[in-house]
N, C-alpha and C. Protein backbone atom coordinates (compact mmCIF):
# COMPACT_ATOMS: atom_id res chain seq x y z
N MET A 1 7.17 6.05 15.23
CA MET A 1 6.01 5.53 15.06
C MET A 1 4.65 4.94 15.92
N GLY A 2 3.73 5.56 15.68
CA GLY A 2 2.44 5.81 16.60
C GLY A 2 2.18 4.05 16.50
N LYS A 3 1.19 3.83 18.20
CA LYS A 3 1.04 2.29 18.07
C LYS A 3 -0.86 2.20 17.36
N THR A 4 -0.98 1.43 16.65
CA THR A 4 -1.32 1.53 15.96
C THR A 4 -2.30 -0.07 16.11
N LYS A 5 -3.93 -0.15 16.49
CA LYS A 5 -4.61 -1.35 16.78
C LYS A 5 -4.44 -2.56 15.18
N LYS A 6 -4.34 -3.28 15.62
CA LYS A 6 -4.09 -4.54 14.66
C LYS A 6 -4.83 -4.92 14.22
N LYS A 7 -5.54 -5.15 13.33
CA LYS A 7 -7.22 -6.19 12.89
C LYS A 7 -6.91 -6.95 11.48
N PRO A 8 -7.76 -7.81 11.41
CA PRO A 8 -7.60 -8.82 10.40
C PRO A 8 -7.81 -7.91 9.14
N LEU A 9 -7.40 -8.23 8.11
CA LEU A 9 -7.94 -7.48 6.59
C LEU A 9 -8.53 -7.50 6.41
N GLU A 10 -9.81 -8.72 6.67
CA GLU A 10 -10.85 -8.55 5.54
C GLU A 10 -11.90 -7.12 6.83
N GLU A 11 -12.22 -7.15 8.73
CA GLU A 11 -12.24 -6.49 9.25
C GLU A 11 -11.94 -4.46 8.59
N LEU A 12 -10.40 -4.65 8.14
CA LEU A 12 -10.24 -3.14 7.60
C LEU A 12 -11.09 -3.08 6.29
N LEU A 13 -11.28 -4.66 5.52
CA LEU A 13 -11.91 -3.50 4.44
C LEU A 13 -12.74 -3.13 4.34
N GLN A 14 -13.50 -3.71 5.53
CA GLN A 14 -15.12 -3.82 5.58
C GLN A 14 -15.32 -2.24 6.40
N GLU A 15 -14.36 -1.65 6.82
CA GLU A 15 -14.64 -0.17 7.41
C GLU A 15 -14.22 0.27 5.96
N MET A 16 -13.56 0.33 5.26
CA MET A 16 -13.77 0.79 4.19
C MET A 16 -14.64 1.34 3.04
N ASP A 17 -15.79 -0.32 3.25
CA ASP A 17 -17.03 -0.59 2.53
C ASP A 17 -17.87 0.77 3.44
N LYS A 18 -17.73 0.50 4.63
CA LYS A 18 -18.59 1.78 5.30
C LYS A 18 -18.01 3.53 5.22
N TYR A 19 -16.73 3.61 4.56
CA TYR A 19 -16.56 5.07 4.54
C TYR A 19 -17.88 5.57 4.06
N ASP A 20 -17.69 7.01 3.87
CA ASP A 20 -18.13 7.88 2.59
C ASP A 20 -17.71 8.51 1.82
N TRP A 21 -17.40 7.51 0.90
CA TRP A 21 -16.45 8.41 -0.62
C TRP A 21 -17.37 9.06 -1.00
N SER A 22 -18.62 9.17 -1.13
CA SER A 22 -19.10 10.61 -1.61
C SER A 22 -19.18 11.74 -1.34
N LYS A 23 -18.39 12.26 -0.38
CA LYS A 23 -17.67 13.39 -0.21
C LYS A 23 -16.25 13.85 -0.36
N VAL A 24 -15.40 12.06 -0.78
CA VAL A 24 -14.11 12.86 -1.84
C VAL A 24 -14.41 12.82 -2.63
N PRO A 25 -12.99 13.77 -2.82
CA PRO A 25 -13.09 14.04 -4.63
C PRO A 25 -12.73 13.15 -5.77
N ASP A 26 -12.80 13.17 -6.40
CA ASP A 26 -12.39 12.33 -7.99
C ASP A 26 -11.20 12.74 -8.28
N LEU A 27 -10.04 11.69 -8.26
CA LEU A 27 -9.12 11.95 -9.05
C LEU A 27 -9.31 12.06 -10.87
N ARG A 28 -8.32 12.52 -10.75
CA ARG A 28 -7.93 12.56 -12.49
C ARG A 28 -6.81 12.18 -13.28
N ILE A 29 -6.77 11.05 -13.19
CA ILE A 29 -5.87 10.59 -13.52
C ILE A 29 -5.67 10.36 -15.23
N ASN A 30 -4.25 10.40 -15.36
CA ASN A 30 -3.37 10.35 -17.45
C ASN A 30 -2.93 9.09 -17.12
N GLU A 31 -3.77 8.35 -18.07
CA GLU A 31 -3.73 7.04 -18.75
C GLU A 31 -2.46 6.91 -19.04
N SER A 32 -1.52 7.96 -19.85
CA SER A 32 -0.29 7.21 -19.94
C SER A 32 1.19 7.63 -19.22
N TYR A 33 0.07 8.17 -17.58
CA TYR A 33 1.16 7.40 -16.40
C TYR A 33 0.94 6.57 -15.89
N GLU A 34 -0.92 5.49 -15.81
CA GLU A 34 -1.03 4.82 -15.39
C GLU A 34 0.04 3.35 -16.73
N GLU A 35 0.23 3.52 -17.76
CA GLU A 35 1.07 2.78 -18.97
C GLU A 35 2.67 2.78 -18.14
N HIS A 36 3.10 3.71 -18.26
CA HIS A 36 3.96 4.00 -17.31
C HIS A 36 4.64 3.53 -16.34
N ALA A 37 3.58 3.26 -15.51
CA ALA A 37 3.63 3.53 -13.94
C ALA A 37 3.50 1.74 -14.04
N SER A 38 3.09 0.83 -15.03
CA SER A 38 2.22 -0.64 -14.56
C SER A 38 4.02 -0.68 -15.27
N GLU A 39 4.70 -0.55 -16.49
CA GLU A 39 6.17 -0.39 -16.90
C GLU A 39 7.09 -0.99 -15.93
N PHE A 40 7.14 0.46 -15.22
CA PHE A 40 8.26 0.29 -14.28
C PHE A 40 7.82 -0.50 -12.86
N PHE A 41 6.88 -0.89 -12.73
CA PHE A 41 6.63 -1.85 -11.39
C PHE A 41 6.83 -3.10 -12.18
N THR A 42 7.00 -3.54 -13.45
CA THR A 42 7.37 -5.15 -13.70
C THR A 42 8.62 -4.72 -14.33
N TYR A 43 9.33 -3.93 -14.07
CA TYR A 43 10.44 -3.54 -14.38
C TYR A 43 11.28 -4.21 -13.06
N ILE A 44 11.09 -3.47 -11.91
CA ILE A 44 11.07 -3.19 -10.05
C ILE A 44 10.86 -5.13 -10.16
N ILE A 45 9.86 -5.63 -10.83
CA ILE A 45 9.24 -7.50 -9.88
C ILE A 45 10.86 -7.74 -10.23
N GLN A 46 11.01 -7.54 -11.80
CA GLN A 46 11.57 -8.39 -12.41
C GLN A 46 13.48 -7.84 -11.77
N LYS A 47 13.87 -7.13 -11.61
CA LYS A 47 15.34 -6.88 -11.11
C LYS A 47 15.44 -6.97 -9.39
N SER A 48 14.07 -7.25 -8.63
CA SER A 48 14.49 -7.91 -7.43
C SER A 48 14.49 -9.82 -7.21
N ASN A 49 14.85 -10.14 -8.91
CA ASN A 49 14.24 -11.45 -8.82
C ASN A 49 13.60 -12.35 -7.92
N VAL A 50 12.07 -11.57 -7.38
CA VAL A 50 10.65 -12.07 -7.01
C VAL A 50 10.25 -12.27 -7.64
N VAL A 51 9.54 -13.69 -7.57
CA VAL A 51 8.53 -14.06 -8.76
C VAL A 51 6.96 -14.23 -7.67
N LEU A 52 6.22 -12.90 -7.63
CA LEU A 52 5.19 -12.81 -6.97
C LEU A 52 3.98 -14.16 -7.68
N GLU A 53 3.86 -14.97 -5.82
CA GLU A 53 2.40 -15.60 -5.57
C GLU A 53 2.16 -15.73 -4.59
N GLY A 54 0.94 -15.41 -4.92
CA GLY A 54 0.28 -14.68 -3.40
C GLY A 54 -0.18 -12.90 -2.79
N SER A 55 -0.36 -13.10 -1.85
CA SER A 55 -0.84 -11.88 -1.57
C SER A 55 0.02 -10.58 -1.62
N VAL A 56 0.05 -9.42 -2.10
CA VAL A 56 0.26 -8.44 -1.71
C VAL A 56 0.20 -7.75 -1.10
N LEU A 57 0.95 -6.77 -0.20
CA LEU A 57 0.96 -5.43 0.24
C LEU A 57 1.39 -4.08 -0.59
N ASP A 58 0.70 -3.73 -0.80
CA ASP A 58 1.58 -2.17 -1.84
C ASP A 58 1.52 -1.11 -1.06
N VAL A 59 2.32 -0.85 0.04
CA VAL A 59 2.10 0.30 0.69
C VAL A 59 2.78 1.48 -0.25
N CYS A 60 2.02 2.36 -0.10
CA CYS A 60 3.01 3.50 -0.77
C CYS A 60 2.13 4.04 -1.97
N SER A 61 1.01 3.04 -2.04
CA SER A 61 0.50 2.35 -3.76
C SER A 61 0.39 3.48 -4.62
N GLY A 62 -0.27 4.56 -4.22
CA GLY A 62 -0.64 5.87 -5.37
C GLY A 62 -1.75 5.03 -6.14
N SER A 63 -2.32 5.53 -7.14
CA SER A 63 -3.40 5.62 -7.32
C SER A 63 -3.16 4.65 -8.58
N VAL A 64 -2.33 4.28 -9.29
CA VAL A 64 -1.72 3.05 -9.96
C VAL A 64 -0.62 2.63 -8.95
N SER A 65 -1.22 1.02 -8.76
CA SER A 65 -0.80 0.48 -7.71
C SER A 65 -0.44 -0.53 -8.59
N LEU A 66 0.63 -1.54 -7.92
CA LEU A 66 0.80 -2.93 -7.83
C LEU A 66 -0.04 -3.35 -8.76
N ALA A 67 -1.52 -3.82 -8.40
CA ALA A 67 -2.40 -4.19 -9.46
C ALA A 67 -2.83 -4.10 -10.52
N SER A 68 -2.06 -3.47 -11.31
CA SER A 68 -2.20 -2.60 -12.65
C SER A 68 -1.08 -4.09 -12.79
N ILE A 69 -0.19 -5.09 -12.28
CA ILE A 69 0.58 -6.27 -13.00
C ILE A 69 0.22 -8.07 -11.88
N HIS A 70 -0.16 -7.49 -10.69
CA HIS A 70 -0.99 -8.63 -10.21
C HIS A 70 -2.21 -8.89 -9.65
N ASP A 71 -2.69 -10.12 -9.53
CA ASP A 71 -4.36 -9.57 -8.88
C ASP A 71 -4.22 -9.99 -7.44
N ASP A 72 -3.35 -10.17 -6.74
CA ASP A 72 -4.19 -10.60 -5.17
C ASP A 72 -2.88 -9.29 -4.34
N VAL A 73 -3.63 -8.23 -4.50
CA VAL A 73 -2.62 -6.74 -4.09
C VAL A 73 -3.85 -6.67 -3.49
N VAL A 74 -3.43 -5.88 -2.09
CA VAL A 74 -4.25 -4.87 -1.20
C VAL A 74 -3.34 -3.01 -1.45
N CYS A 75 -4.01 -1.96 -1.53
CA CYS A 75 -3.47 -1.25 -1.71
C CYS A 75 -3.51 -0.50 -0.40
N PHE A 76 -2.04 0.56 -0.23
CA PHE A 76 -2.47 1.22 1.20
C PHE A 76 -1.61 2.08 1.41
N ASP A 77 -2.93 3.05 1.47
CA ASP A 77 -2.23 4.98 1.05
C ASP A 77 -3.19 5.77 1.50
N LEU A 78 -2.07 7.01 1.64
CA LEU A 78 -3.26 8.04 3.05
C LEU A 78 -4.37 8.70 2.92
N PRO A 79 -3.49 9.48 1.12
CA PRO A 79 -4.94 10.68 0.55
C PRO A 79 -6.17 9.68 0.28
N GLU A 80 -7.53 10.31 0.97
CA GLU A 80 -8.83 9.66 0.47
C GLU A 80 -8.99 9.36 -0.77
N GLU A 81 -8.67 10.17 -2.07
CA GLU A 81 -8.89 10.62 -3.18
C GLU A 81 -8.29 9.28 -3.97
N ILE A 82 -7.48 8.39 -3.80
CA ILE A 82 -6.54 7.92 -4.12
C ILE A 82 -6.88 6.00 -3.53
N ILE A 83 -7.44 6.63 -2.15
CA ILE A 83 -8.06 4.95 -1.65
C ILE A 83 -9.34 5.17 -2.81
N LYS A 84 -10.05 5.81 -2.56
CA LYS A 84 -11.37 6.03 -3.79
C LYS A 84 -11.17 5.45 -4.92
N GLU A 85 -10.46 5.85 -5.95
CA GLU A 85 -9.80 6.10 -7.09
C GLU A 85 -9.87 4.49 -7.18
N LEU A 86 -8.66 3.97 -6.26
CA LEU A 86 -8.56 2.17 -6.55
C LEU A 86 -9.90 1.23 -6.14
N ARG A 87 -10.62 1.58 -4.94
CA ARG A 87 -11.67 1.25 -4.78
C ARG A 87 -12.92 1.05 -6.44
N LYS A 88 -12.62 2.68 -7.00
CA LYS A 88 -13.85 2.72 -7.90
C LYS A 88 -12.77 1.53 -9.06
N LYS A 89 -11.61 1.01 -9.53
CA LYS A 89 -11.58 0.01 -10.33
C LYS A 89 -11.53 -0.68 -9.16
N GLY A 90 -12.52 -1.78 -8.41
CA GLY A 90 -12.07 -3.39 -7.86
C GLY A 90 -10.89 -3.53 -6.79
N ILE A 91 -10.39 -2.88 -6.66
CA ILE A 91 -8.59 -2.73 -6.27
C ILE A 91 -9.20 -3.05 -4.68
N ARG A 92 -9.30 -4.11 -3.75
CA ARG A 92 -8.99 -3.46 -2.76
C ARG A 92 -8.16 -2.89 -2.00
N ALA A 93 -8.20 -1.92 -1.19
CA ALA A 93 -7.55 -0.19 -0.94
C ALA A 93 -7.72 0.00 1.10
N VAL A 94 -6.98 0.01 1.47
CA VAL A 94 -7.49 -0.34 2.39
C VAL A 94 -6.10 1.62 3.09
N MET A 95 -7.00 2.96 3.84
CA MET A 95 -6.02 4.10 3.86
C MET A 95 -5.85 3.88 5.16
N GLY A 96 -4.83 5.04 5.29
CA GLY A 96 -3.90 4.79 6.05
C GLY A 96 -2.27 5.61 6.39
N ASP A 97 -1.66 5.70 7.50
CA ASP A 97 -0.36 6.85 7.62
C ASP A 97 0.18 5.79 7.90
N ILE A 98 1.89 5.78 6.71
CA ILE A 98 2.88 4.92 7.17
C ILE A 98 3.45 5.01 7.75
N SER A 99 3.30 6.60 8.57
CA SER A 99 4.44 7.27 9.70
C SER A 99 3.80 6.58 11.58
N GLU A 100 2.60 5.74 10.91
CA GLU A 100 2.76 4.79 11.54
C GLU A 100 1.94 3.32 11.92
N ASP A 101 1.76 2.69 13.10
CA ASP A 101 2.80 1.43 12.46
C ASP A 101 1.51 0.65 11.54
N LEU A 102 1.72 -0.14 10.77
CA LEU A 102 0.49 -0.81 10.29
C LEU A 102 -0.51 -1.50 10.58
N PRO A 103 -1.91 -0.88 10.39
CA PRO A 103 -2.98 -1.72 11.28
C PRO A 103 -3.20 -3.22 11.08
N PHE A 104 -2.74 -4.21 10.07
CA PHE A 104 -2.45 -5.69 9.48
C PHE A 104 -2.13 -5.76 10.54
N LYS A 105 -2.58 -7.64 11.19
CA LYS A 105 -1.81 -8.45 11.71
C LYS A 105 -0.07 -9.29 11.31
N ALA A 106 0.08 -9.98 12.21
CA ALA A 106 1.41 -10.47 11.82
C ALA A 106 1.20 -11.42 10.36
N LYS A 107 2.20 -11.31 9.34
CA LYS A 107 1.74 -12.67 8.99
C LYS A 107 0.59 -12.31 7.51
N SER A 108 0.16 -11.09 7.22
CA SER A 108 -1.37 -10.92 6.46
C SER A 108 -1.02 -11.25 5.28
N PHE A 109 0.52 -10.50 4.65
CA PHE A 109 0.36 -10.87 3.43
C PHE A 109 1.26 -12.12 3.00
N ASP A 110 1.92 -12.28 1.88
CA ASP A 110 2.96 -13.25 1.36
C ASP A 110 3.93 -12.10 0.78
N TYR A 111 3.99 -10.64 1.01
CA TYR A 111 4.60 -10.39 -0.03
C TYR A 111 4.50 -8.41 0.48
N VAL A 112 5.49 -7.66 0.61
CA VAL A 112 4.68 -6.46 0.62
C VAL A 112 6.10 -5.81 -0.61
N PHE A 113 5.37 -4.84 -0.95
CA PHE A 113 5.92 -3.87 -1.97
C PHE A 113 5.95 -2.73 -1.93
N ALA A 114 6.98 -1.43 -1.74
CA ALA A 114 7.04 -0.34 -1.81
C ALA A 114 7.61 0.42 -2.35
N SER A 115 7.30 1.34 -3.49
CA SER A 115 8.36 2.34 -4.60
C SER A 115 7.80 3.73 -4.33
N GLY A 116 8.86 4.63 -4.13
CA GLY A 116 7.79 5.88 -4.28
C GLY A 116 7.51 6.90 -2.84
N ILE A 117 8.16 5.83 -1.81
CA ILE A 117 8.38 5.72 -0.65
C ILE A 117 8.99 7.13 0.01
N PRO A 118 7.56 8.80 0.43
CA PRO A 118 8.31 9.76 0.70
C PRO A 118 9.38 9.50 1.94
N MET A 119 10.20 10.59 2.11
CA MET A 119 11.05 10.43 2.64
C MET A 119 10.16 11.10 4.32
N LEU A 120 10.13 11.94 4.07
CA LEU A 120 9.05 12.41 5.52
C LEU A 120 7.76 11.94 4.93
N PRO A 121 7.03 12.32 6.21
CA PRO A 121 5.48 11.25 5.93
C PRO A 121 4.68 12.08 5.99
N TYR A 122 3.39 11.75 5.42
CA TYR A 122 2.35 12.99 4.93
C TYR A 122 1.36 13.11 6.11
N LYS A 123 0.77 14.06 6.34
CA LYS A 123 0.03 14.33 7.04
C LYS A 123 -1.85 14.87 6.32
N ARG A 124 -2.56 14.55 6.92
CA ARG A 124 -4.04 15.54 6.22
C ARG A 124 -3.67 17.17 6.88
N THR A 125 -3.98 18.39 6.20
CA THR A 125 -4.37 19.44 6.87
C THR A 125 -5.88 19.66 6.69
N ASP A 126 -6.15 20.87 7.61
CA ASP A 126 -8.05 21.17 7.45
C ASP A 126 -8.36 21.88 6.20
N ALA A 127 -8.00 21.32 5.33
CA ALA A 127 -7.71 22.46 3.86
C ALA A 127 -9.59 21.81 3.84
N PRO A 128 -9.93 22.66 2.89
CA PRO A 128 -11.59 22.05 2.42
C PRO A 128 -11.38 20.87 1.48
N GLN A 129 -12.35 20.36 1.54
CA GLN A 129 -12.81 18.92 0.16
C GLN A 129 -12.42 19.79 -1.21
N GLU A 130 -12.91 20.98 -1.53
CA GLU A 130 -12.32 21.55 -2.88
C GLU A 130 -10.80 22.21 -3.12
N ALA A 131 -10.71 21.42 -2.00
CA ALA A 131 -8.95 22.17 -1.94
C ALA A 131 -7.97 21.64 -2.95
N ASP A 132 -7.37 22.31 -3.47
CA ASP A 132 -5.80 20.87 -4.54
C ASP A 132 -5.11 20.24 -3.94
N PHE A 133 -5.20 19.20 -4.25
CA PHE A 133 -4.62 17.47 -3.27
C PHE A 133 -3.44 18.09 -2.58
N HIS A 134 -2.38 18.52 -3.06
CA HIS A 134 -1.17 19.27 -2.64
C HIS A 134 -0.98 20.00 -0.85
N LYS A 135 -2.45 20.84 -1.00
CA LYS A 135 -2.86 21.73 0.11
C LYS A 135 -3.03 20.66 1.63
N LYS A 136 -4.23 19.50 1.02
CA LYS A 136 -4.90 18.54 2.03
C LYS A 136 -3.48 17.67 2.61
N TYR A 137 -2.63 17.53 1.92
CA TYR A 137 -1.53 16.95 2.35
C TYR A 137 -0.07 16.74 2.25
N VAL A 138 0.15 17.49 3.30
CA VAL A 138 1.71 17.70 3.53
C VAL A 138 2.41 17.20 4.15
N PRO A 139 4.03 17.72 4.04
CA PRO A 139 4.79 16.63 5.05
C PRO A 139 4.78 17.32 6.44
N GLU A 140 4.98 15.88 7.17
CA GLU A 140 5.35 16.25 8.29
C GLU A 140 6.35 16.74 8.80
N LYS A 141 6.74 17.74 10.16
CA LYS A 141 7.57 17.78 10.26
C LYS A 141 7.64 17.06 11.54
N VAL A 142 9.40 16.13 11.15
CA VAL A 142 9.84 15.37 11.84
C VAL A 142 10.73 15.34 12.62
N ARG A 143 11.63 14.54 13.23
CA ARG A 143 12.71 15.29 14.10
C ARG A 143 14.20 13.90 13.30
N ASN A 144 13.60 12.60 13.49
CA ASN A 144 14.96 12.01 12.77
C ASN A 144 14.37 10.83 11.81
N ASP A 145 14.29 11.20 10.37
CA ASP A 145 14.31 10.70 9.10
C ASP A 145 14.53 8.98 9.38
N LYS A 146 15.46 8.91 9.80
CA LYS A 146 16.01 7.20 9.69
C LYS A 146 15.18 6.45 11.10
N LYS A 147 14.59 7.10 12.20
CA LYS A 147 13.37 6.73 13.16
C LYS A 147 12.97 6.42 12.13
N TYR A 148 11.67 7.03 11.21
CA TYR A 148 10.26 6.75 10.71
C TYR A 148 11.06 5.32 8.91
N ILE A 149 12.05 5.59 8.60
CA ILE A 149 12.70 4.88 8.05
C ILE A 149 12.59 3.64 8.55
N GLU A 150 13.44 3.55 9.98
CA GLU A 150 13.71 2.15 10.63
C GLU A 150 12.10 1.50 11.17
N GLY A 151 11.21 2.58 11.72
CA GLY A 151 9.34 2.37 11.84
C GLY A 151 9.00 1.71 10.46
N LEU A 152 9.00 1.81 9.62
CA LEU A 152 8.67 1.51 8.15
C LEU A 152 9.10 0.12 7.48
N ILE A 153 10.44 -0.31 7.95
CA ILE A 153 10.98 -1.37 7.70
C ILE A 153 10.58 -2.77 8.70
N LYS A 154 10.94 -2.17 10.12
CA LYS A 154 9.97 -3.05 10.77
C LYS A 154 8.77 -3.85 10.96
N GLU A 155 8.12 -2.20 10.51
CA GLU A 155 6.62 -2.80 10.27
C GLU A 155 5.98 -3.90 8.57
N THR A 156 6.47 -3.78 7.85
CA THR A 156 6.45 -4.29 6.96
C THR A 156 6.90 -5.62 6.69
N ILE A 157 7.98 -5.88 7.15
CA ILE A 157 8.68 -7.20 7.55
C ILE A 157 7.62 -7.93 8.59
N ARG A 158 6.91 -6.77 9.37
CA ARG A 158 6.56 -7.59 10.50
C ARG A 158 4.90 -8.25 9.90
N VAL A 159 4.10 -7.71 9.01
CA VAL A 159 3.57 -8.13 8.05
C VAL A 159 3.58 -9.54 7.27
N THR A 160 4.67 -8.89 6.30
CA THR A 160 4.59 -10.14 5.01
C THR A 160 5.16 -11.83 5.87
N ARG A 161 4.72 -12.73 5.24
CA ARG A 161 4.79 -14.04 5.33
C ARG A 161 6.30 -14.55 4.41
N LYS A 162 6.99 -13.77 3.46
CA LYS A 162 7.97 -14.49 3.01
C LYS A 162 8.61 -12.85 2.61
N LYS A 163 8.62 -11.56 1.92
CA LYS A 163 9.96 -10.56 1.41
C LYS A 163 8.97 -9.27 1.12
N VAL A 164 9.81 -8.74 1.33
CA VAL A 164 9.91 -7.41 1.30
C VAL A 164 10.33 -6.63 0.67
N ILE A 165 9.36 -5.57 -1.09
CA ILE A 165 10.54 -5.46 -1.57
C ILE A 165 9.83 -3.58 -1.54
N ILE A 166 11.40 -2.77 -1.65
CA ILE A 166 11.31 -1.07 -1.58
C ILE A 166 12.35 -1.08 -2.30
N ALA A 167 11.45 -0.01 -3.13
CA ALA A 167 12.18 0.67 -5.00
C ALA A 167 12.52 2.06 -4.47
N SER A 168 13.87 2.91 -3.85
CA SER A 168 13.55 3.75 -3.11
C SER A 168 14.63 4.05 -3.04
N LEU A 169 16.05 4.98 -3.89
CA LEU A 169 16.86 5.47 -3.75
C LEU A 169 16.92 6.31 -2.48
N PRO A 170 16.77 7.07 -2.23
CA PRO A 170 16.50 7.45 -0.54
C PRO A 170 16.24 6.90 0.61
N VAL A 171 15.53 5.91 0.70
CA VAL A 171 14.96 4.66 1.51
C VAL A 171 16.16 3.74 1.47
N VAL A 172 17.21 3.94 0.32
CA VAL A 172 17.86 3.02 0.25
C VAL A 172 19.13 3.16 1.25
N GLU A 173 19.88 4.63 1.19
CA GLU A 173 20.53 5.42 2.17
C GLU A 173 20.47 5.05 3.12
N TYR A 174 19.22 5.23 4.06
CA TYR A 174 18.80 5.45 5.32
C TYR A 174 18.33 3.96 5.89
N LEU A 175 18.94 3.07 5.35
CA LEU A 175 18.35 1.68 5.89
C LEU A 175 18.85 1.46 6.89
N PRO A 176 18.61 1.29 7.77
CA PRO A 176 18.70 0.91 9.11
C PRO A 176 19.53 -0.49 9.46
N LYS A 177 20.77 -0.76 10.45
CA LYS A 177 21.55 -1.50 10.71
C LYS A 177 20.40 -2.33 11.40
N LYS A 178 19.67 -2.45 12.10
CA LYS A 178 18.95 -3.92 12.68
C LYS A 178 17.83 -4.30 11.26
N HIS A 179 17.50 -5.74 11.41
CA HIS A 179 16.96 -6.68 10.23
C HIS A 179 17.99 -6.63 8.49
N VAL A 180 19.31 -6.07 9.18
CA VAL A 180 20.30 -6.98 7.70
C VAL A 180 20.87 -8.02 7.40
N GLU A 181 20.85 -8.76 8.43
CA GLU A 181 20.75 -10.28 8.30
C GLU A 181 19.67 -10.88 7.45
N LYS A 182 17.89 -9.86 6.82
CA LYS A 182 17.38 -10.14 6.57
C LYS A 182 17.48 -9.97 4.92
N ILE A 183 18.60 -8.86 4.76
CA ILE A 183 18.82 -8.14 2.76
C ILE A 183 19.07 -9.51 2.16
N GLU A 184 18.09 -9.64 1.30
CA GLU A 184 18.49 -10.48 0.59
C GLU A 184 18.81 -10.66 -1.00
N LYS A 185 19.16 -8.95 -0.93
CA LYS A 185 19.24 -7.98 -2.26
C LYS A 185 19.09 -6.81 -2.13
N ILE A 186 20.38 -5.85 -2.15
CA ILE A 186 20.55 -4.48 -2.63
C ILE A 186 20.94 -3.98 -3.18
N ASN A 187 20.96 -2.59 -4.05
CA ASN A 187 21.60 -2.00 -4.88
C ASN A 187 21.36 -0.72 -4.19
N GLU A 188 22.06 0.26 -5.73
CA GLU A 188 21.62 1.59 -4.85
C GLU A 188 20.12 1.91 -4.64
N TRP A 189 19.35 1.56 -5.72
CA TRP A 189 17.64 1.69 -5.15
C TRP A 189 16.97 0.71 -4.94
N LEU A 190 17.23 -0.38 -4.76
CA LEU A 190 16.08 -1.54 -4.43
C LEU A 190 16.69 -2.23 -3.45
N VAL A 191 16.19 -2.65 -1.91
CA VAL A 191 16.24 -3.75 -1.28
C VAL A 191 15.60 -4.75 -1.46
N VAL A 192 15.73 -6.15 -0.78
CA VAL A 192 14.69 -7.10 -1.13
C VAL A 192 14.84 -7.66 0.54
N TYR A 193 14.08 -7.76 1.18
CA TYR A 193 14.16 -8.75 2.39
C TYR A 193 13.51 -9.46 2.96
N ASN A 194 14.42 -10.55 3.21
CA ASN A 194 13.91 -12.19 3.23
C ASN A 194 13.90 -12.52 4.63
N LYS A 195 11.86 -12.43 4.81
CA LYS A 195 11.64 -12.94 6.58
C LYS A 195 11.97 -13.96 7.29
N ASN A 196 12.64 -14.61 5.91
CA ASN A 196 12.68 -15.96 6.40
C ASN A 196 13.84 -16.75 6.38
N LYS A 197 15.00 -15.42 5.88
CA LYS A 197 16.39 -15.59 6.17
C LYS A 197 16.91 -15.56 7.50
N LYS A 198 17.91 -16.54 7.95
CA LYS A 198 18.36 -16.48 9.07
C LYS A 198 19.81 -15.74 9.30
């Protein structure tokens, strides 16, 4: 993971306010997908046995985020279209790449939530704005998936004050040995890290 300058949340959100969103195409969102996603998020939180009280960073949030069931959420994702859609809904969102260090200062959030993490990091291409969404964001070739997952786990633990909830069957398969002492709950598709567990 690359070195990214750490900034206060408010500064990152102000940068998003200054971004030229008029050049970013709108996303078409399926309403039944929004409803299904909200039910899925509720299910994950119930299975995690975590009571969300406080701020949450939703990593790889997608256009329907944990903000659909919790009020104090900041979303983090790469595609401009997704960040624009979230902001149109009044959701605080920061654009960034999970294959790099997260731009947030340490202990910026009470919780970090992530579901649907891609097994390979994605990068932007030089496809024109009107190009299909999937032509603008393509998997980046990486030599070591484990290193990518290790970096993501390290960074999510760094930016939380309490716990990290990850719902992803392939990510759970590749969990690093580092931080294993902080695992509070784990099954084949869900892991909860407790930053304060000794």
